[in-house]
Amino acid sequence: MSYDDTYARVRDLFGSDPDPLIVRHWELLDAALPVLDIGGGQGRNAFFLAREGYALEVLDPSEVGLRVVSEIATAEGLPITAHLGGFETFEGVERGYGGILVFGLVQLLTRDGIRDLLSRLDQWIAPRGTVFMTGHTTLDAGCAAREADPDRWCPIGLGSFRSIEGEIRTYLQPSELERLFEGWETVHSWEGLGPLHCHGDGPLEQHHAVEGVFRR
């Protein structure tokens, strides 16, 4: 999924500040290894870490978003490399990343896509590397709304829906995120109602969210 049209209209669609999860736990990252930001968008998390001295690789299917990332990285001399595309075709470095960021992506994947993503995280993360991940749960109002609208949203898996336009939304079961990372060390895990927010000039939203920090 590309946000090209939206990013062209709205600067800092998801805000300019890094996700609080990064702010609270970024010092877990090994500064000697690069960090991979999957679905890095317009770069808010990458900029924060690069300014703290980390080398970043930002992966995103939006050419518009990556253009912003590259322009700011060049202007500030930040160690950021931009890669156009999705994780499905990305040739990441095996055991090469001290950290991998996955913010706002899980809810856009099918169940098969989530399994593929987790397999690649396991392949790419370095020993003692750290994964940061967020998602939405089945307690989110959006899940109930899609269940109530079968004419537009077709169930395609547990908590997962496809719209007639082909859009995907997947909601994790309570405590599922930790189960997905079975065998990893759970550094942090939280589920609950997130803050009120808006994207650009859009309406106020509030999601039932899940977040986790996991070490290999």
C-alpha atoms as a PDB file:
ATOM      1  CA  MET A   1       0.000   0.000   0.000  1.00  0.00           C
ATOM      2  CA  SER A   2       1.348   3.425  -0.972  1.00  0.00           C
ATOM      3  CA  TYR A   3       0.404   6.702   0.646  1.00  0.00           C
ATOM      4  CA  ASP A   4       1.742   8.780  -2.268  1.00  0.00           C
ATOM      5  CA  ASP A   5      -1.390  10.866  -2.823  1.00  0.00           C
ATOM      6  CA  THR A   6      -1.946  11.488   0.874  1.00  0.00           C
ATOM      7  CA  TYR A   7       1.701  12.336   1.593  1.00  0.00           C
ATOM      8  CA  ALA A   8       1.662  14.773  -1.339  1.00  0.00           C
ATOM      9  CA  ARG A   9      -1.227  16.618   0.309  1.00  0.00           C
ATOM     10  CA  VAL A  10      -0.311  16.312   3.991  1.00  0.00           C
ATOM     11  CA  ARG A  11       3.118  16.858   5.506  1.00  0.00           C
ATOM     12  CA  ASP A  12       3.693  14.879   8.720  1.00  0.00           C
ATOM     13  CA  LEU A  13       0.544  12.791   8.247  1.00  0.00           C
ATOM     14  CA  PHE A  14       1.308  10.795  11.392  1.00  0.00           C
ATOM     15  CA  GLY A  15       2.870  13.736  13.211  1.00  0.00           C
ATOM     16  CA  SER A  16       6.461  14.937  13.376  1.00  0.00           C
ATOM     17  CA  ASP A  17       7.314  13.486  16.791  1.00  0.00           C
ATOM     18  CA  PRO A  18       8.641   9.936  17.116  1.00  0.00           C
ATOM     19  CA  ASP A  19       6.350   7.262  18.499  1.00  0.00           C
ATOM     20  CA  PRO A  20       6.492   7.309  22.333  1.00  0.00           C
ATOM     21  CA  LEU A  21       7.486   3.638  22.264  1.00  0.00           C
ATOM     22  CA  ILE A  22      10.760   4.640  20.573  1.00  0.00           C
ATOM     23  CA  VAL A  23      11.339   7.520  22.965  1.00  0.00           C
ATOM     24  CA  ARG A  24      10.989   5.215  25.974  1.00  0.00           C
ATOM     25  CA  HIS A  25      13.147   2.339  24.720  1.00  0.00           C
ATOM     26  CA  TRP A  26      15.565   3.554  22.020  1.00  0.00           C
ATOM     27  CA  GLU A  27      18.613   3.088  24.253  1.00  0.00           C
ATOM     28  CA  LEU A  28      18.152  -0.699  23.949  1.00  0.00           C
ATOM     29  CA  LEU A  29      19.445  -0.444  20.395  1.00  0.00           C
ATOM     30  CA  ASP A  30      23.038  -1.328  19.529  1.00  0.00           C
ATOM     31  CA  ALA A  31      24.544   1.825  18.010  1.00  0.00           C
ATOM     32  CA  ALA A  32      27.118  -0.285  16.145  1.00  0.00           C
ATOM     33  CA  LEU A  33      24.415  -1.817  13.924  1.00  0.00           C
ATOM     34  CA  PRO A  34      21.908  -0.195  11.540  1.00  0.00           C
ATOM     35  CA  VAL A  35      18.203   0.045  12.307  1.00  0.00           C
ATOM     36  CA  LEU A  36      15.617  -0.979   9.704  1.00  0.00           C
ATOM     37  CA  ASP A  37      12.409   1.080   9.676  1.00  0.00           C
ATOM     38  CA  ILE A  38       9.775  -0.942   7.786  1.00  0.00           C
ATOM     39  CA  GLY A  39       6.975   1.284   6.523  1.00  0.00           C
ATOM     40  CA  GLY A  40       8.918   4.350   7.652  1.00  0.00           C
ATOM     41  CA  GLY A  41       6.620   6.769   5.818  1.00  0.00           C
ATOM     42  CA  GLN A  42       7.735  10.385   6.120  1.00  0.00           C
ATOM     43  CA  GLY A  43      10.521   9.497   8.518  1.00  0.00           C
ATOM     44  CA  ARG A  44       9.479  10.676  11.981  1.00  0.00           C
ATOM     45  CA  ASN A  45      10.994   7.706  13.825  1.00  0.00           C
ATOM     46  CA  ALA A  46      14.037   7.481  11.568  1.00  0.00           C
ATOM     47  CA  PHE A  47      14.881  11.148  12.063  1.00  0.00           C
ATOM     48  CA  PHE A  48      14.762  10.774  15.842  1.00  0.00           C
ATOM     49  CA  LEU A  49      17.129   7.801  15.891  1.00  0.00           C
ATOM     50  CA  ALA A  50      19.473   9.217  13.255  1.00  0.00           C
ATOM     51  CA  ARG A  51      19.819  12.406  15.295  1.00  0.00           C
ATOM     52  CA  GLU A  52      20.829  10.196  18.214  1.00  0.00           C
ATOM     53  CA  GLY A  53      23.634   8.726  16.129  1.00  0.00           C
ATOM     54  CA  TYR A  54      22.081   5.564  14.659  1.00  0.00           C
ATOM     55  CA  ALA A  55      22.353   4.556  11.013  1.00  0.00           C
ATOM     56  CA  LEU A  56      18.902   3.965   9.510  1.00  0.00           C
ATOM     57  CA  GLU A  57      17.525   2.119   6.517  1.00  0.00           C
ATOM     58  CA  VAL A  58      13.985   3.295   5.749  1.00  0.00           C
ATOM     59  CA  LEU A  59      11.800   0.976   3.682  1.00  0.00           C
ATOM     60  CA  ASP A  60       8.499   2.223   2.282  1.00  0.00           C
ATOM     61  CA  PRO A  61       6.403   1.808  -0.900  1.00  0.00           C
ATOM     62  CA  SER A  62       5.727   5.555  -1.078  1.00  0.00           C
ATOM     63  CA  GLU A  63       8.065   7.452  -3.385  1.00  0.00           C
ATOM     64  CA  VAL A  64       6.671  10.732  -2.056  1.00  0.00           C
ATOM     65  CA  GLY A  65       7.335   9.796   1.558  1.00  0.00           C
ATOM     66  CA  LEU A  66      10.880   8.636   0.818  1.00  0.00           C
ATOM     67  CA  ARG A  67      11.592  11.832  -1.099  1.00  0.00           C
ATOM     68  CA  VAL A  68      10.860  13.771   2.102  1.00  0.00           C
ATOM     69  CA  VAL A  69      13.070  11.391   4.084  1.00  0.00           C
ATOM     70  CA  SER A  70      15.967  11.779   1.656  1.00  0.00           C
ATOM     71  CA  GLU A  71      15.656  15.553   1.454  1.00  0.00           C
ATOM     72  CA  ILE A  72      15.759  16.020   5.221  1.00  0.00           C
ATOM     73  CA  ALA A  73      18.514  13.435   5.663  1.00  0.00           C
ATOM     74  CA  THR A  74      20.635  15.227   3.065  1.00  0.00           C
ATOM     75  CA  ALA A  75      19.960  18.680   4.523  1.00  0.00           C
ATOM     76  CA  GLU A  76      20.914  17.553   8.050  1.00  0.00           C
ATOM     77  CA  GLY A  77      23.628  15.091   7.072  1.00  0.00           C
ATOM     78  CA  LEU A  78      21.764  12.216   8.726  1.00  0.00           C
ATOM     79  CA  PRO A  79      22.881   8.595   8.157  1.00  0.00           C
ATOM     80  CA  ILE A  80      19.673   7.441   6.489  1.00  0.00           C
ATOM     81  CA  THR A  81      19.341   5.250   3.396  1.00  0.00           C
ATOM     82  CA  ALA A  82      15.930   5.086   1.696  1.00  0.00           C
ATOM     83  CA  HIS A  83      14.636   1.921  -0.020  1.00  0.00           C
ATOM     84  CA  LEU A  84      11.504   2.038  -2.189  1.00  0.00           C
ATOM     85  CA  GLY A  85       9.244  -1.003  -1.813  1.00  0.00           C
ATOM     86  CA  GLY A  86       7.729  -3.383   0.705  1.00  0.00           C
ATOM     87  CA  PHE A  87       9.274  -5.911   3.044  1.00  0.00           C
ATOM     88  CA  GLU A  88       8.038  -8.736   0.796  1.00  0.00           C
ATOM     89  CA  THR A  89      10.688  -7.968  -1.860  1.00  0.00           C
ATOM     90  CA  PHE A  90      13.337  -6.247   0.262  1.00  0.00           C
ATOM     91  CA  GLU A  91      16.736  -7.941   0.346  1.00  0.00           C
ATOM     92  CA  GLY A  92      17.599  -7.247   3.948  1.00  0.00           C
ATOM     93  CA  VAL A  93      20.906  -8.196   5.532  1.00  0.00           C
ATOM     94  CA  GLU A  94      20.685 -11.538   7.340  1.00  0.00           C
ATOM     95  CA  ARG A  95      21.294 -11.030  11.075  1.00  0.00           C
ATOM     96  CA  GLY A  96      22.332  -7.503  10.137  1.00  0.00           C
ATOM     97  CA  TYR A  97      20.036  -5.135  12.064  1.00  0.00           C
ATOM     98  CA  GLY A  98      20.355  -4.128  15.681  1.00  0.00           C
ATOM     99  CA  GLY A  99      16.776  -2.915  15.609  1.00  0.00           C
ATOM    100  CA  ILE A 100      13.713  -3.182  13.385  1.00  0.00           C
ATOM    101  CA  LEU A 101      10.756  -0.792  13.611  1.00  0.00           C
ATOM    102  CA  VAL A 102       7.275  -1.906  12.525  1.00  0.00           C
ATOM    103  CA  PHE A 103       4.833   0.905  13.264  1.00  0.00           C
ATOM    104  CA  GLY A 104       1.338   1.024  11.745  1.00  0.00           C
ATOM    105  CA  LEU A 105       1.936  -1.844   9.318  1.00  0.00           C
ATOM    106  CA  VAL A 106       0.449  -4.973  10.913  1.00  0.00           C
ATOM    107  CA  GLN A 107      -3.139  -3.752  10.570  1.00  0.00           C
ATOM    108  CA  LEU A 108      -2.618  -3.408   6.789  1.00  0.00           C
ATOM    109  CA  LEU A 109      -1.493  -7.020   6.289  1.00  0.00           C
ATOM    110  CA  THR A 110      -3.360 -10.271   5.821  1.00  0.00           C
ATOM    111  CA  ARG A 111      -2.711 -13.121   8.247  1.00  0.00           C
ATOM    112  CA  ASP A 112      -0.343 -14.655   5.689  1.00  0.00           C
ATOM    113  CA  GLY A 113       1.388 -11.291   5.375  1.00  0.00           C
ATOM    114  CA  ILE A 114       1.907 -11.099   9.130  1.00  0.00           C
ATOM    115  CA  ARG A 115       3.449 -14.580   9.156  1.00  0.00           C
ATOM    116  CA  ASP A 116       5.743 -13.601   6.287  1.00  0.00           C
ATOM    117  CA  LEU A 117       6.770 -10.436   8.123  1.00  0.00           C
ATOM    118  CA  LEU A 118       7.596 -12.310  11.323  1.00  0.00           C
ATOM    119  CA  SER A 119       9.711 -14.802   9.379  1.00  0.00           C
ATOM    120  CA  ARG A 120      11.703 -11.959   7.825  1.00  0.00           C
ATOM    121  CA  LEU A 121      12.157 -10.212  11.175  1.00  0.00           C
ATOM    122  CA  ASP A 122      13.631 -13.408  12.563  1.00  0.00           C
ATOM    123  CA  GLN A 123      15.957 -13.625   9.561  1.00  0.00           C
ATOM    124  CA  TRP A 124      17.118 -10.005   9.627  1.00  0.00           C
ATOM    125  CA  ILE A 125      17.477  -9.219  13.330  1.00  0.00           C
ATOM    126  CA  ALA A 126      20.963  -9.526  14.836  1.00  0.00           C
ATOM    127  CA  PRO A 127      21.592 -11.512  18.033  1.00  0.00           C
ATOM    128  CA  ARG A 128      20.222  -9.450  20.933  1.00  0.00           C
ATOM    129  CA  GLY A 129      18.561  -7.180  18.406  1.00  0.00           C
ATOM    130  CA  THR A 130      15.309  -5.407  19.249  1.00  0.00           C
ATOM    131  CA  VAL A 131      11.990  -5.257  17.376  1.00  0.00           C
ATOM    132  CA  PHE A 132       9.470  -2.479  18.038  1.00  0.00           C
ATOM    133  CA  MET A 133       5.928  -3.219  16.844  1.00  0.00           C
ATOM    134  CA  THR A 134       2.464  -1.692  17.118  1.00  0.00           C
ATOM    135  CA  GLY A 135      -0.983  -2.735  15.933  1.00  0.00           C
ATOM    136  CA  HIS A 136      -4.716  -2.607  16.633  1.00  0.00           C
ATOM    137  CA  THR A 137      -6.736  -5.190  18.538  1.00  0.00           C
ATOM    138  CA  THR A 138     -10.167  -6.715  18.006  1.00  0.00           C
ATOM    139  CA  LEU A 139     -11.462  -4.379  20.731  1.00  0.00           C
ATOM    140  CA  ASP A 140     -10.928  -1.463  18.360  1.00  0.00           C
ATOM    141  CA  ALA A 141     -14.113   0.190  17.137  1.00  0.00           C
ATOM    142  CA  GLY A 142     -12.967  -0.317  13.561  1.00  0.00           C
ATOM    143  CA  CYS A 143     -13.145  -4.081  13.951  1.00  0.00           C
ATOM    144  CA  ALA A 144     -16.779  -3.973  15.056  1.00  0.00           C
ATOM    145  CA  ALA A 145     -17.611  -1.528  12.264  1.00  0.00           C
ATOM    146  CA  ARG A 146     -16.183  -3.867   9.633  1.00  0.00           C
ATOM    147  CA  GLU A 147     -17.981  -6.883  11.087  1.00  0.00           C
ATOM    148  CA  ALA A 148     -21.211  -4.882  10.837  1.00  0.00           C
ATOM    149  CA  ASP A 149     -20.661  -3.966   7.172  1.00  0.00           C
ATOM    150  CA  PRO A 150     -20.424  -7.277   5.247  1.00  0.00           C
ATOM    151  CA  ASP A 151     -21.522  -5.606   2.027  1.00  0.00           C
ATOM    152  CA  ARG A 152     -18.202  -3.742   1.916  1.00  0.00           C
ATOM    153  CA  TRP A 153     -15.889  -5.778   4.192  1.00  0.00           C
ATOM    154  CA  CYS A 154     -15.438  -9.504   3.668  1.00  0.00           C
ATOM    155  CA  PRO A 155     -13.884 -11.595   6.483  1.00  0.00           C
ATOM    156  CA  ILE A 156     -10.699 -13.288   5.245  1.00  0.00           C
ATOM    157  CA  GLY A 157      -9.259 -14.597   8.513  1.00  0.00           C
ATOM    158  CA  LEU A 158      -9.314 -14.206  12.264  1.00  0.00           C
ATOM    159  CA  GLY A 159      -9.998 -10.516  12.852  1.00  0.00           C
ATOM    160  CA  SER A 160      -9.054  -9.818   9.240  1.00  0.00           C
ATOM    161  CA  PHE A 161     -11.108  -8.153   6.492  1.00  0.00           C
ATOM    162  CA  ARG A 162     -10.794  -7.152   2.841  1.00  0.00           C
ATOM    163  CA  SER A 163     -12.894  -4.346   1.394  1.00  0.00           C
ATOM    164  CA  ILE A 164     -14.508  -4.456  -2.025  1.00  0.00           C
ATOM    165  CA  GLU A 165     -11.764  -2.003  -3.094  1.00  0.00           C
ATOM    166  CA  GLY A 166      -9.073  -4.444  -1.929  1.00  0.00           C
ATOM    167  CA  GLU A 167      -8.100  -2.636   1.274  1.00  0.00           C
ATOM    168  CA  ILE A 168      -6.948  -4.877   4.155  1.00  0.00           C
ATOM    169  CA  ARG A 169      -7.541  -4.410   7.879  1.00  0.00           C
ATOM    170  CA  THR A 170      -6.408  -6.973  10.440  1.00  0.00           C
ATOM    171  CA  TYR A 171      -6.953  -6.771  14.192  1.00  0.00           C
ATOM    172  CA  LEU A 172      -4.930  -8.832  16.652  1.00  0.00           C
ATOM    173  CA  GLN A 173      -6.593 -10.837  19.389  1.00  0.00           C
ATOM    174  CA  PRO A 174      -5.951  -9.772  23.004  1.00  0.00           C
ATOM    175  CA  SER A 175      -2.426 -10.876  24.041  1.00  0.00           C
ATOM    176  CA  GLU A 176      -1.763 -12.148  20.508  1.00  0.00           C
ATOM    177  CA  LEU A 177       1.240  -9.916  19.866  1.00  0.00           C
ATOM    178  CA  GLU A 178       3.234 -11.586  22.640  1.00  0.00           C
ATOM    179  CA  ARG A 179       2.226 -14.999  21.319  1.00  0.00           C
ATOM    180  CA  LEU A 180       3.488 -14.053  17.867  1.00  0.00           C
ATOM    181  CA  PHE A 181       6.886 -13.387  19.436  1.00  0.00           C
ATOM    182  CA  GLU A 182       7.045 -16.634  21.370  1.00  0.00           C
ATOM    183  CA  GLY A 183      10.699 -17.514  21.926  1.00  0.00           C
ATOM    184  CA  TRP A 184      11.731 -13.862  22.065  1.00  0.00           C
ATOM    185  CA  GLU A 185      12.367 -11.877  25.238  1.00  0.00           C
ATOM    186  CA  THR A 186       9.466  -9.523  25.914  1.00  0.00           C
ATOM    187  CA  VAL A 187      10.953  -6.232  27.083  1.00  0.00           C
ATOM    188  CA  HIS A 188       7.664  -4.334  27.003  1.00  0.00           C
ATOM    189  CA  SER A 189       4.062  -5.169  26.162  1.00  0.00           C
ATOM    190  CA  TRP A 190       0.961  -3.023  26.492  1.00  0.00           C
ATOM    191  CA  GLU A 191      -2.636  -3.077  25.248  1.00  0.00           C
ATOM    192  CA  GLY A 192      -5.274  -0.432  25.793  1.00  0.00           C
ATOM    193  CA  LEU A 193      -7.092   2.598  24.479  1.00  0.00           C
ATOM    194  CA  GLY A 194      -4.646   4.936  22.813  1.00  0.00           C
ATOM    195  CA  PRO A 195      -4.775   8.747  22.768  1.00  0.00           C
ATOM    196  CA  LEU A 196      -7.132  10.834  20.706  1.00  0.00           C
ATOM    197  CA  HIS A 197      -5.359  11.939  17.543  1.00  0.00           C
ATOM    198  CA  CYS A 198      -5.914  12.956  13.950  1.00  0.00           C
ATOM    199  CA  HIS A 199      -4.005  12.482  10.713  1.00  0.00           C
ATOM    200  CA  GLY A 200      -3.444  15.831   9.055  1.00  0.00           C
ATOM    201  CA  ASP A 201      -6.795  17.595   8.848  1.00  0.00           C
ATOM    202  CA  GLY A 202      -8.758  14.353   9.279  1.00  0.00           C
ATOM    203  CA  PRO A 203     -11.247  13.604  12.071  1.00  0.00           C
ATOM    204  CA  LEU A 204     -10.283  12.697  15.605  1.00  0.00           C
ATOM    205  CA  GLU A 205      -9.556   8.984  16.063  1.00  0.00           C
ATOM    206  CA  GLN A 206      -8.902   6.720  19.013  1.00  0.00           C
ATOM    207  CA  HIS A 207      -7.790   3.110  18.663  1.00  0.00           C
ATOM    208  CA  HIS A 208      -7.577   0.136  20.925  1.00  0.00           C
ATOM    209  CA  ALA A 209      -3.892  -0.462  20.389  1.00  0.00           C
ATOM    210  CA  VAL A 210      -1.169  -2.954  21.187  1.00  0.00           C
ATOM    211  CA  GLU A 211       2.553  -2.292  21.345  1.00  0.00           C
ATOM    212  CA  GLY A 212       5.578  -4.406  22.139  1.00  0.00           C
ATOM    213  CA  VAL A 213       9.354  -4.414  22.320  1.00  0.00           C
ATOM    214  CA  PHE A 214      11.001  -7.806  21.789  1.00  0.00           C
ATOM    215  CA  ARG A 215      14.627  -8.965  21.861  1.00  0.00           C
ATOM    216  CA  ARG A 216      16.109 -11.987  20.084  1.00  0.00           C
END
